[in-house]
Every structure is written in C-alpha cells, then in structure tokens.
Amino acid sequence: MEGSGIGQFIPLILIFVIFYFFLIRPQQKKVKEHKAMVENLKKGDKVITSGGITGTIERVVDNERVEVEIAENVKVEIIKATGIQSLMGTPEVKK
C-alpha cells in the first residue's frame, strides 16, 4: 500500500518536468539574453522602446538610463532594463 502512494505523485512530477523544460527554462534564457543586450547598449545603436517608439541612442547616462533621440532635436531618457525592447539592424548577442 505504501508503494501506491508514491505512484500517485509520478504524474505530478512529470507535469512539473514538462513545465520546466517548455516554459520556465526558455523564459530564463530569454531574460538572460535581454539582460546581455541591455548591458551592451552604446551610442549609435538603434532601438525600439517597449512602447513602440524607435530611436538612436545618443548617450548612456548611467548604468540604468540612456538618452534616445526619437526625432531631430527630440531626446528622451529611458530606463534600460524596462524601456528597451530590442535592437534594430544589429546581430543579437548569443552566449
């Protein structure tokens, strides 16, 4: 009777393993790639903000913020970790 108790947990363990490999692990990899991309931002990189605004990085203010020119003489400061969605025309950093 004790062996049947452990047998009931096998499907639950299998479901967790499936969730880990198909949901959790890919999301962690995506977060890691985004963090590497954000850390490598430099002046002249073309970016898309999370709001869909495209622009060119004019300067890196500090480790957390960048100044992006979105039109001629129009510059905005964006928080790197949350505001930058992706790079345009630059190969992604893969490790």
Foldseek 3Di string as FASTA:
>chain_A
DVVVVVVVCVVVVVVVVVCCVPPVVVVVVVLVQLVVVLQPDAFQWWFAWPVGQIFTFHGAPDSFWTWTDRDVVDIDIDGSSHTTDDTPPDDGDDD
